[in-house]
Amino acid sequence: MRRHDVARRESEVATDNPEAPEDGPLDNLANAFVGKLLDFGVDGVGPLQSSSQVLVKARREKGQDDEKVVDEIVSDHIKKAAVGGFVTGVGGIFTMPVAIPVNVLEFYTLATRMVAAIAEHRGYDVKSKEARAAVLLSLVGADADDLMRKAGISTAAGLTGSGRLATLAMSRLPKAASMMVNKAVGFRLLTTVGGKALGRLIRFVPVAGGVIGAGLDGYLMKRIADHARAEFAPRPEVAGEQPG
């Protein structure tokens, strides 16, 4: 194994007690939430397409040109986020054990699928726990560094700055660390439901609320897409290969 092969880089995990969310009533909810995002957004469930299926469709329409394929994936998901109704006809598969607004789960499912499709197109194995953790971290933007620190991932492994999520996706992460990352993302997304993400709930207000909610969802989806484009740079040796 080559010493500098980044694909074989092992993430260093802090040896002291990591700053992780304390056990509490939201633990199960956070884990269930990110589990749903991975099931629905990456693997696909029932009528919901997997990220690989989304990628195959985009490549069929746009060929192998990196930017055109990514543009197709992004534009499709921005439209779905803005228009809404993604879960119409899906039935009860979006049911959560406690009340999480369906449109919040819908939005982040779309975002997860979009980012996973971009990452897979650019050569990252979204079946790996490390790449899945990186995909989830892309949903929280600039907060990713803080969440990785709280999960006990050492910055000495190169997980800082631009491209840190790509490095994480190609690293070897202990299972406990990836679980901490996923739960931390779940906590962060759930806590923002009551804050800046509350705007998504405006769509329940007749007419004006629907317009505002749709516009905000489209804007937020584009922000996540821009972040994913920057973080998951193409891997020349594998980018453009057809997903298996």
C-alpha atoms as a PDB file:
ATOM      1  CA  MET A   1       0.000   0.000   0.000  1.00  0.00           C
ATOM      2  CA  ARG A   2       1.451   3.362  -0.993  1.00  0.00           C
ATOM      3  CA  ARG A   3       1.952   5.712   1.902  1.00  0.00           C
ATOM      4  CA  HIS A   4       0.437   8.685   0.129  1.00  0.00           C
ATOM      5  CA  ASP A   5      -2.481   6.913  -1.491  1.00  0.00           C
ATOM      6  CA  VAL A   6      -5.341   9.117  -0.301  1.00  0.00           C
ATOM      7  CA  ALA A   7      -7.859   6.402  -1.044  1.00  0.00           C
ATOM      8  CA  ARG A   8      -6.178   4.333   1.657  1.00  0.00           C
ATOM      9  CA  ARG A   9      -5.795   7.146   4.137  1.00  0.00           C
ATOM     10  CA  GLU A  10      -6.982   6.122   7.587  1.00  0.00           C
ATOM     11  CA  SER A  11      -8.826   8.732   9.566  1.00  0.00           C
ATOM     12  CA  GLU A  12      -7.274   9.453  12.918  1.00  0.00           C
ATOM     13  CA  VAL A  13      -9.756   9.359  15.735  1.00  0.00           C
ATOM     14  CA  ALA A  14      -9.173  11.332  18.886  1.00  0.00           C
ATOM     15  CA  THR A  15      -7.966   9.197  21.751  1.00  0.00           C
ATOM     16  CA  ASP A  16      -9.523  11.357  24.430  1.00  0.00           C
ATOM     17  CA  ASN A  17     -13.239  11.507  25.119  1.00  0.00           C
ATOM     18  CA  PRO A  18     -14.851  12.908  21.952  1.00  0.00           C
ATOM     19  CA  GLU A  19     -17.273  15.761  22.175  1.00  0.00           C
ATOM     20  CA  ALA A  20     -20.428  14.002  21.104  1.00  0.00           C
ATOM     21  CA  PRO A  21     -24.069  14.708  21.770  1.00  0.00           C
ATOM     22  CA  GLU A  22     -25.021  13.297  25.151  1.00  0.00           C
ATOM     23  CA  ASP A  23     -27.542  10.491  25.308  1.00  0.00           C
ATOM     24  CA  GLY A  24     -31.019  11.843  25.588  1.00  0.00           C
ATOM     25  CA  PRO A  25     -34.554  11.640  24.238  1.00  0.00           C
ATOM     26  CA  LEU A  26     -33.489  12.793  20.768  1.00  0.00           C
ATOM     27  CA  ASP A  27     -30.915  10.030  20.269  1.00  0.00           C
ATOM     28  CA  ASN A  28     -33.284   7.512  18.725  1.00  0.00           C
ATOM     29  CA  LEU A  29     -34.983  10.202  16.682  1.00  0.00           C
ATOM     30  CA  ALA A  30     -31.685  11.511  15.276  1.00  0.00           C
ATOM     31  CA  ASN A  31     -30.561   8.011  14.334  1.00  0.00           C
ATOM     32  CA  ALA A  32     -33.943   7.184  12.806  1.00  0.00           C
ATOM     33  CA  PHE A  33     -33.928  10.422  10.836  1.00  0.00           C
ATOM     34  CA  VAL A  34     -30.525   9.880   9.203  1.00  0.00           C
ATOM     35  CA  GLY A  35     -31.402   6.227   8.662  1.00  0.00           C
ATOM     36  CA  LYS A  36     -34.446   7.326   6.673  1.00  0.00           C
ATOM     37  CA  LEU A  37     -32.332   9.783   4.669  1.00  0.00           C
ATOM     38  CA  LEU A  38     -29.869   7.053   3.704  1.00  0.00           C
ATOM     39  CA  ASP A  39     -32.600   4.501   2.974  1.00  0.00           C
ATOM     40  CA  PHE A  40     -34.740   6.870   0.916  1.00  0.00           C
ATOM     41  CA  GLY A  41     -32.068   9.143  -0.533  1.00  0.00           C
ATOM     42  CA  VAL A  42     -29.180   6.775  -1.309  1.00  0.00           C
ATOM     43  CA  ASP A  43     -30.565   3.244  -1.548  1.00  0.00           C
ATOM     44  CA  GLY A  44     -34.078   4.017  -2.731  1.00  0.00           C
ATOM     45  CA  VAL A  45     -37.219   2.465  -1.275  1.00  0.00           C
ATOM     46  CA  GLY A  46     -40.306   1.400  -3.182  1.00  0.00           C
ATOM     47  CA  PRO A  47     -41.116   4.063  -5.786  1.00  0.00           C
ATOM     48  CA  LEU A  48     -38.275   6.306  -4.604  1.00  0.00           C
ATOM     49  CA  GLN A  49     -35.304   6.090  -6.953  1.00  0.00           C
ATOM     50  CA  SER A  50     -31.835   5.441  -5.558  1.00  0.00           C
ATOM     51  CA  SER A  51     -29.017   7.918  -6.162  1.00  0.00           C
ATOM     52  CA  SER A  52     -27.498   5.423  -8.627  1.00  0.00           C
ATOM     53  CA  GLN A  53     -30.718   5.331 -10.647  1.00  0.00           C
ATOM     54  CA  VAL A  54     -30.795   9.125 -10.705  1.00  0.00           C
ATOM     55  CA  LEU A  55     -27.206   9.132 -11.947  1.00  0.00           C
ATOM     56  CA  VAL A  56     -27.907   6.584 -14.691  1.00  0.00           C
ATOM     57  CA  LYS A  57     -30.801   8.726 -15.937  1.00  0.00           C
ATOM     58  CA  ALA A  58     -28.696  11.906 -15.946  1.00  0.00           C
ATOM     59  CA  ARG A  59     -25.874  10.188 -17.837  1.00  0.00           C
ATOM     60  CA  ARG A  60     -28.310   8.773 -20.353  1.00  0.00           C
ATOM     61  CA  GLU A  61     -29.552  12.277 -21.071  1.00  0.00           C
ATOM     62  CA  LYS A  62     -26.261  14.206 -20.856  1.00  0.00           C
ATOM     63  CA  GLY A  63     -23.534  11.678 -21.674  1.00  0.00           C
ATOM     64  CA  GLN A  64     -20.307  11.635 -19.662  1.00  0.00           C
ATOM     65  CA  ASP A  65     -19.629  15.381 -19.489  1.00  0.00           C
ATOM     66  CA  ASP A  66     -19.076  16.045 -15.785  1.00  0.00           C
ATOM     67  CA  GLU A  67     -20.644  19.479 -15.560  1.00  0.00           C
ATOM     68  CA  LYS A  68     -23.626  18.629 -17.757  1.00  0.00           C
ATOM     69  CA  VAL A  69     -24.416  15.513 -15.728  1.00  0.00           C
ATOM     70  CA  VAL A  70     -24.089  17.373 -12.428  1.00  0.00           C
ATOM     71  CA  ASP A  71     -26.169  20.266 -13.771  1.00  0.00           C
ATOM     72  CA  GLU A  72     -28.918  17.820 -14.741  1.00  0.00           C
ATOM     73  CA  ILE A  73     -28.922  16.182 -11.310  1.00  0.00           C
ATOM     74  CA  VAL A  74     -28.970  19.527  -9.521  1.00  0.00           C
ATOM     75  CA  SER A  75     -31.624  21.207 -11.667  1.00  0.00           C
ATOM     76  CA  ASP A  76     -33.929  18.204 -11.341  1.00  0.00           C
ATOM     77  CA  HIS A  77     -33.695  18.231  -7.556  1.00  0.00           C
ATOM     78  CA  ILE A  78     -34.046  22.004  -7.263  1.00  0.00           C
ATOM     79  CA  LYS A  79     -37.267  21.768  -9.276  1.00  0.00           C
ATOM     80  CA  LYS A  80     -38.565  18.948  -7.103  1.00  0.00           C
ATOM     81  CA  ALA A  81     -37.702  20.873  -3.934  1.00  0.00           C
ATOM     82  CA  ALA A  82     -39.379  24.057  -5.167  1.00  0.00           C
ATOM     83  CA  VAL A  83     -42.504  22.399  -6.536  1.00  0.00           C
ATOM     84  CA  GLY A  84     -42.982  19.954  -3.675  1.00  0.00           C
ATOM     85  CA  GLY A  85     -45.207  16.930  -3.759  1.00  0.00           C
ATOM     86  CA  PHE A  86     -42.260  14.566  -3.979  1.00  0.00           C
ATOM     87  CA  VAL A  87     -43.986  12.145  -1.610  1.00  0.00           C
ATOM     88  CA  THR A  88     -47.416  12.331  -3.226  1.00  0.00           C
ATOM     89  CA  GLY A  89     -48.674   8.817  -3.802  1.00  0.00           C
ATOM     90  CA  VAL A  90     -45.844   7.253  -1.828  1.00  0.00           C
ATOM     91  CA  GLY A  91     -48.139   6.428   1.053  1.00  0.00           C
ATOM     92  CA  GLY A  92     -46.933   5.910   4.589  1.00  0.00           C
ATOM     93  CA  ILE A  93     -43.253   5.138   4.008  1.00  0.00           C
ATOM     94  CA  PHE A  94     -42.334   8.630   5.186  1.00  0.00           C
ATOM     95  CA  THR A  95     -43.979   8.057   8.556  1.00  0.00           C
ATOM     96  CA  MET A  96     -41.672   8.769  11.486  1.00  0.00           C
ATOM     97  CA  PRO A  97     -42.083   7.497  15.058  1.00  0.00           C
ATOM     98  CA  VAL A  98     -42.678  11.057  16.249  1.00  0.00           C
ATOM     99  CA  ALA A  99     -43.864  14.154  14.494  1.00  0.00           C
ATOM    100  CA  ILE A 100     -41.306  15.453  12.001  1.00  0.00           C
ATOM    101  CA  PRO A 101     -42.906  17.607   9.321  1.00  0.00           C
ATOM    102  CA  VAL A 102     -43.145  15.502   6.165  1.00  0.00           C
ATOM    103  CA  ASN A 103     -41.837  18.320   3.986  1.00  0.00           C
ATOM    104  CA  VAL A 104     -38.678  18.531   6.120  1.00  0.00           C
ATOM    105  CA  LEU A 105     -37.981  14.822   5.629  1.00  0.00           C
ATOM    106  CA  GLU A 106     -38.888  15.213   1.970  1.00  0.00           C
ATOM    107  CA  PHE A 107     -36.456  18.107   1.490  1.00  0.00           C
ATOM    108  CA  TYR A 108     -33.498  16.369   3.108  1.00  0.00           C
ATOM    109  CA  THR A 109     -34.256  13.109   1.302  1.00  0.00           C
ATOM    110  CA  LEU A 110     -34.024  14.975  -1.987  1.00  0.00           C
ATOM    111  CA  ALA A 111     -30.844  16.731  -0.861  1.00  0.00           C
ATOM    112  CA  THR A 112     -29.258  13.447   0.243  1.00  0.00           C
ATOM    113  CA  ARG A 113     -30.079  11.785  -3.071  1.00  0.00           C
ATOM    114  CA  MET A 114     -28.756  14.735  -5.049  1.00  0.00           C
ATOM    115  CA  VAL A 115     -25.437  14.862  -3.190  1.00  0.00           C
ATOM    116  CA  ALA A 116     -24.995  11.078  -3.315  1.00  0.00           C
ATOM    117  CA  ALA A 117     -25.583  11.081  -7.080  1.00  0.00           C
ATOM    118  CA  ILE A 118     -23.004  13.856  -7.543  1.00  0.00           C
ATOM    119  CA  ALA A 119     -20.496  12.049  -5.344  1.00  0.00           C
ATOM    120  CA  GLU A 120     -21.009   8.733  -7.147  1.00  0.00           C
ATOM    121  CA  HIS A 121     -20.672  10.379 -10.546  1.00  0.00           C
ATOM    122  CA  ARG A 122     -17.359  11.855  -9.454  1.00  0.00           C
ATOM    123  CA  GLY A 123     -15.955   8.523  -8.356  1.00  0.00           C
ATOM    124  CA  TYR A 124     -16.902   8.025  -4.700  1.00  0.00           C
ATOM    125  CA  ASP A 125     -18.362   4.774  -3.387  1.00  0.00           C
ATOM    126  CA  VAL A 126     -21.638   5.800  -1.780  1.00  0.00           C
ATOM    127  CA  LYS A 127     -22.106   2.279  -0.470  1.00  0.00           C
ATOM    128  CA  SER A 128     -19.269   2.836   2.016  1.00  0.00           C
ATOM    129  CA  LYS A 129     -20.019   4.153   5.491  1.00  0.00           C
ATOM    130  CA  GLU A 130     -17.381   6.859   5.057  1.00  0.00           C
ATOM    131  CA  ALA A 131     -18.896   8.238   1.849  1.00  0.00           C
ATOM    132  CA  ARG A 132     -22.364   8.121   3.394  1.00  0.00           C
ATOM    133  CA  ALA A 133     -21.121  10.093   6.380  1.00  0.00           C
ATOM    134  CA  ALA A 134     -19.586  12.621   3.978  1.00  0.00           C
ATOM    135  CA  VAL A 135     -22.861  12.901   2.059  1.00  0.00           C
ATOM    136  CA  LEU A 136     -24.772  13.571   5.274  1.00  0.00           C
ATOM    137  CA  LEU A 137     -22.211  16.153   6.404  1.00  0.00           C
ATOM    138  CA  SER A 138     -22.688  18.029   3.146  1.00  0.00           C
ATOM    139  CA  LEU A 139     -26.232  18.813   4.274  1.00  0.00           C
ATOM    140  CA  VAL A 140     -25.021  21.000   7.151  1.00  0.00           C
ATOM    141  CA  GLY A 141     -22.598  23.153   5.150  1.00  0.00           C
ATOM    142  CA  ALA A 142     -20.087  25.098   7.224  1.00  0.00           C
ATOM    143  CA  ASP A 143     -21.144  23.211  10.354  1.00  0.00           C
ATOM    144  CA  ALA A 144     -19.435  20.054   9.058  1.00  0.00           C
ATOM    145  CA  ASP A 145     -16.096  20.911  10.692  1.00  0.00           C
ATOM    146  CA  ASP A 146     -17.737  21.361  14.083  1.00  0.00           C
ATOM    147  CA  LEU A 147     -19.656  18.092  13.805  1.00  0.00           C
ATOM    148  CA  MET A 148     -16.568  16.136  12.762  1.00  0.00           C
ATOM    149  CA  ARG A 149     -14.723  17.538  15.746  1.00  0.00           C
ATOM    150  CA  LYS A 150     -17.571  16.571  18.053  1.00  0.00           C
ATOM    151  CA  ALA A 151     -17.516  13.079  16.567  1.00  0.00           C
ATOM    152  CA  GLY A 152     -13.867  12.785  17.596  1.00  0.00           C
ATOM    153  CA  ILE A 153     -12.321  12.825  14.132  1.00  0.00           C
ATOM    154  CA  SER A 154      -8.823  14.270  14.302  1.00  0.00           C
ATOM    155  CA  THR A 155      -7.989  17.195  12.019  1.00  0.00           C
ATOM    156  CA  ALA A 156      -4.549  15.617  11.574  1.00  0.00           C
ATOM    157  CA  ALA A 157      -6.096  13.236   9.040  1.00  0.00           C
ATOM    158  CA  GLY A 158      -6.539  16.081   6.569  1.00  0.00           C
ATOM    159  CA  LEU A 159     -10.241  16.543   7.243  1.00  0.00           C
ATOM    160  CA  THR A 160     -10.134  20.334   7.140  1.00  0.00           C
ATOM    161  CA  GLY A 161     -10.593  22.951   4.472  1.00  0.00           C
ATOM    162  CA  SER A 162     -12.066  22.539   1.013  1.00  0.00           C
ATOM    163  CA  GLY A 163     -12.367  18.933  -0.085  1.00  0.00           C
ATOM    164  CA  ARG A 164     -12.433  17.594   3.465  1.00  0.00           C
ATOM    165  CA  LEU A 165     -15.583  15.594   2.759  1.00  0.00           C
ATOM    166  CA  ALA A 166     -13.974  13.965  -0.278  1.00  0.00           C
ATOM    167  CA  THR A 167     -11.040  13.001   1.932  1.00  0.00           C
ATOM    168  CA  LEU A 168     -13.459  11.584   4.500  1.00  0.00           C
ATOM    169  CA  ALA A 169     -15.288   9.641   1.780  1.00  0.00           C
ATOM    170  CA  MET A 170     -12.029   7.942   0.751  1.00  0.00           C
ATOM    171  CA  SER A 171     -10.756   7.295   4.262  1.00  0.00           C
ATOM    172  CA  ARG A 172     -11.185   4.354   6.594  1.00  0.00           C
ATOM    173  CA  LEU A 173     -13.333   5.449   9.466  1.00  0.00           C
ATOM    174  CA  PRO A 174     -14.014   3.333  12.556  1.00  0.00           C
ATOM    175  CA  LYS A 175     -17.653   2.304  12.727  1.00  0.00           C
ATOM    176  CA  ALA A 176     -18.162   4.113  16.034  1.00  0.00           C
ATOM    177  CA  ALA A 177     -16.879   7.363  14.541  1.00  0.00           C
ATOM    178  CA  SER A 178     -19.146   7.138  11.494  1.00  0.00           C
ATOM    179  CA  MET A 179     -22.107   6.468  13.766  1.00  0.00           C
ATOM    180  CA  MET A 180     -21.218   9.546  15.818  1.00  0.00           C
ATOM    181  CA  VAL A 181     -21.007  11.662  12.658  1.00  0.00           C
ATOM    182  CA  ASN A 182     -24.373  10.430  11.419  1.00  0.00           C
ATOM    183  CA  LYS A 183     -26.079  11.045  14.749  1.00  0.00           C
ATOM    184  CA  ALA A 184     -24.521  14.501  15.022  1.00  0.00           C
ATOM    185  CA  VAL A 185     -25.880  15.382  11.583  1.00  0.00           C
ATOM    186  CA  GLY A 186     -29.297  14.122  12.644  1.00  0.00           C
ATOM    187  CA  PHE A 187     -29.224  16.306  15.758  1.00  0.00           C
ATOM    188  CA  ARG A 188     -28.147  19.365  13.781  1.00  0.00           C
ATOM    189  CA  LEU A 189     -30.806  18.972  11.111  1.00  0.00           C
ATOM    190  CA  LEU A 190     -33.558  18.323  13.638  1.00  0.00           C
ATOM    191  CA  THR A 191     -32.613  21.295  15.795  1.00  0.00           C
ATOM    192  CA  THR A 192     -32.617  23.635  12.794  1.00  0.00           C
ATOM    193  CA  VAL A 193     -36.205  22.659  12.052  1.00  0.00           C
ATOM    194  CA  GLY A 194     -37.200  25.064  14.807  1.00  0.00           C
ATOM    195  CA  GLY A 195     -34.798  27.758  13.625  1.00  0.00           C
ATOM    196  CA  LYS A 196     -33.679  28.832  10.187  1.00  0.00           C
ATOM    197  CA  ALA A 197     -35.331  25.828   8.512  1.00  0.00           C
ATOM    198  CA  LEU A 198     -38.664  26.827   9.999  1.00  0.00           C
ATOM    199  CA  GLY A 199     -39.253  28.789   6.824  1.00  0.00           C
ATOM    200  CA  ARG A 200     -40.074  25.542   5.086  1.00  0.00           C
ATOM    201  CA  LEU A 201     -43.152  25.261   7.239  1.00  0.00           C
ATOM    202  CA  ILE A 202     -44.458  28.551   5.858  1.00  0.00           C
ATOM    203  CA  ARG A 203     -45.783  26.673   2.841  1.00  0.00           C
ATOM    204  CA  PHE A 204     -48.708  25.564   4.977  1.00  0.00           C
ATOM    205  CA  VAL A 205     -49.954  29.165   4.911  1.00  0.00           C
ATOM    206  CA  PRO A 206     -52.365  29.508   1.968  1.00  0.00           C
ATOM    207  CA  VAL A 207     -51.134  31.040  -1.322  1.00  0.00           C
ATOM    208  CA  ALA A 208     -48.352  33.401  -0.190  1.00  0.00           C
ATOM    209  CA  GLY A 209     -46.929  30.846   2.192  1.00  0.00           C
ATOM    210  CA  GLY A 210     -46.729  28.263  -0.557  1.00  0.00           C
ATOM    211  CA  VAL A 211     -44.824  30.614  -2.843  1.00  0.00           C
ATOM    212  CA  ILE A 212     -42.373  31.614  -0.106  1.00  0.00           C
ATOM    213  CA  GLY A 213     -41.861  28.024   1.005  1.00  0.00           C
ATOM    214  CA  ALA A 214     -41.227  26.799  -2.537  1.00  0.00           C
ATOM    215  CA  GLY A 215     -38.747  29.580  -3.242  1.00  0.00           C
ATOM    216  CA  LEU A 216     -36.883  28.976   0.001  1.00  0.00           C
ATOM    217  CA  ASP A 217     -36.643  25.238  -0.603  1.00  0.00           C
ATOM    218  CA  GLY A 218     -35.244  25.806  -4.083  1.00  0.00           C
ATOM    219  CA  TYR A 219     -32.703  28.293  -2.747  1.00  0.00           C
ATOM    220  CA  LEU A 220     -31.578  25.998   0.070  1.00  0.00           C
ATOM    221  CA  MET A 221     -31.275  23.043  -2.314  1.00  0.00           C
ATOM    222  CA  LYS A 222     -29.015  25.088  -4.595  1.00  0.00           C
ATOM    223  CA  ARG A 223     -26.807  26.026  -1.641  1.00  0.00           C
ATOM    224  CA  ILE A 224     -26.369  22.364  -0.755  1.00  0.00           C
ATOM    225  CA  ALA A 225     -25.647  21.569  -4.411  1.00  0.00           C
ATOM    226  CA  ASP A 226     -22.972  24.272  -4.632  1.00  0.00           C
ATOM    227  CA  HIS A 227     -21.369  22.905  -1.475  1.00  0.00           C
ATOM    228  CA  ALA A 228     -21.393  19.356  -2.853  1.00  0.00           C
ATOM    229  CA  ARG A 229     -19.829  20.471  -6.142  1.00  0.00           C
ATOM    230  CA  ALA A 230     -16.971  22.115  -4.259  1.00  0.00           C
ATOM    231  CA  GLU A 231     -16.412  19.284  -1.782  1.00  0.00           C
ATOM    232  CA  PHE A 232     -16.606  16.253  -4.066  1.00  0.00           C
ATOM    233  CA  ALA A 233     -14.026  16.993  -6.737  1.00  0.00           C
ATOM    234  CA  PRO A 234     -13.867  14.525  -9.650  1.00  0.00           C
ATOM    235  CA  ARG A 235     -11.487  11.597  -9.200  1.00  0.00           C
ATOM    236  CA  PRO A 236      -9.882  11.357 -12.677  1.00  0.00           C
ATOM    237  CA  GLU A 237      -9.139   7.649 -12.464  1.00  0.00           C
ATOM    238  CA  VAL A 238     -12.760   6.662 -11.862  1.00  0.00           C
ATOM    239  CA  ALA A 239     -15.035   9.632 -12.587  1.00  0.00           C
ATOM    240  CA  GLY A 240     -17.419   8.949 -15.428  1.00  0.00           C
ATOM    241  CA  GLU A 241     -17.586   5.188 -14.916  1.00  0.00           C
ATOM    242  CA  GLN A 242     -21.043   3.708 -15.085  1.00  0.00           C
ATOM    243  CA  PRO A 243     -22.485   2.858 -11.657  1.00  0.00           C
ATOM    244  CA  GLY A 244     -22.847  -0.839 -10.998  1.00  0.00           C
END
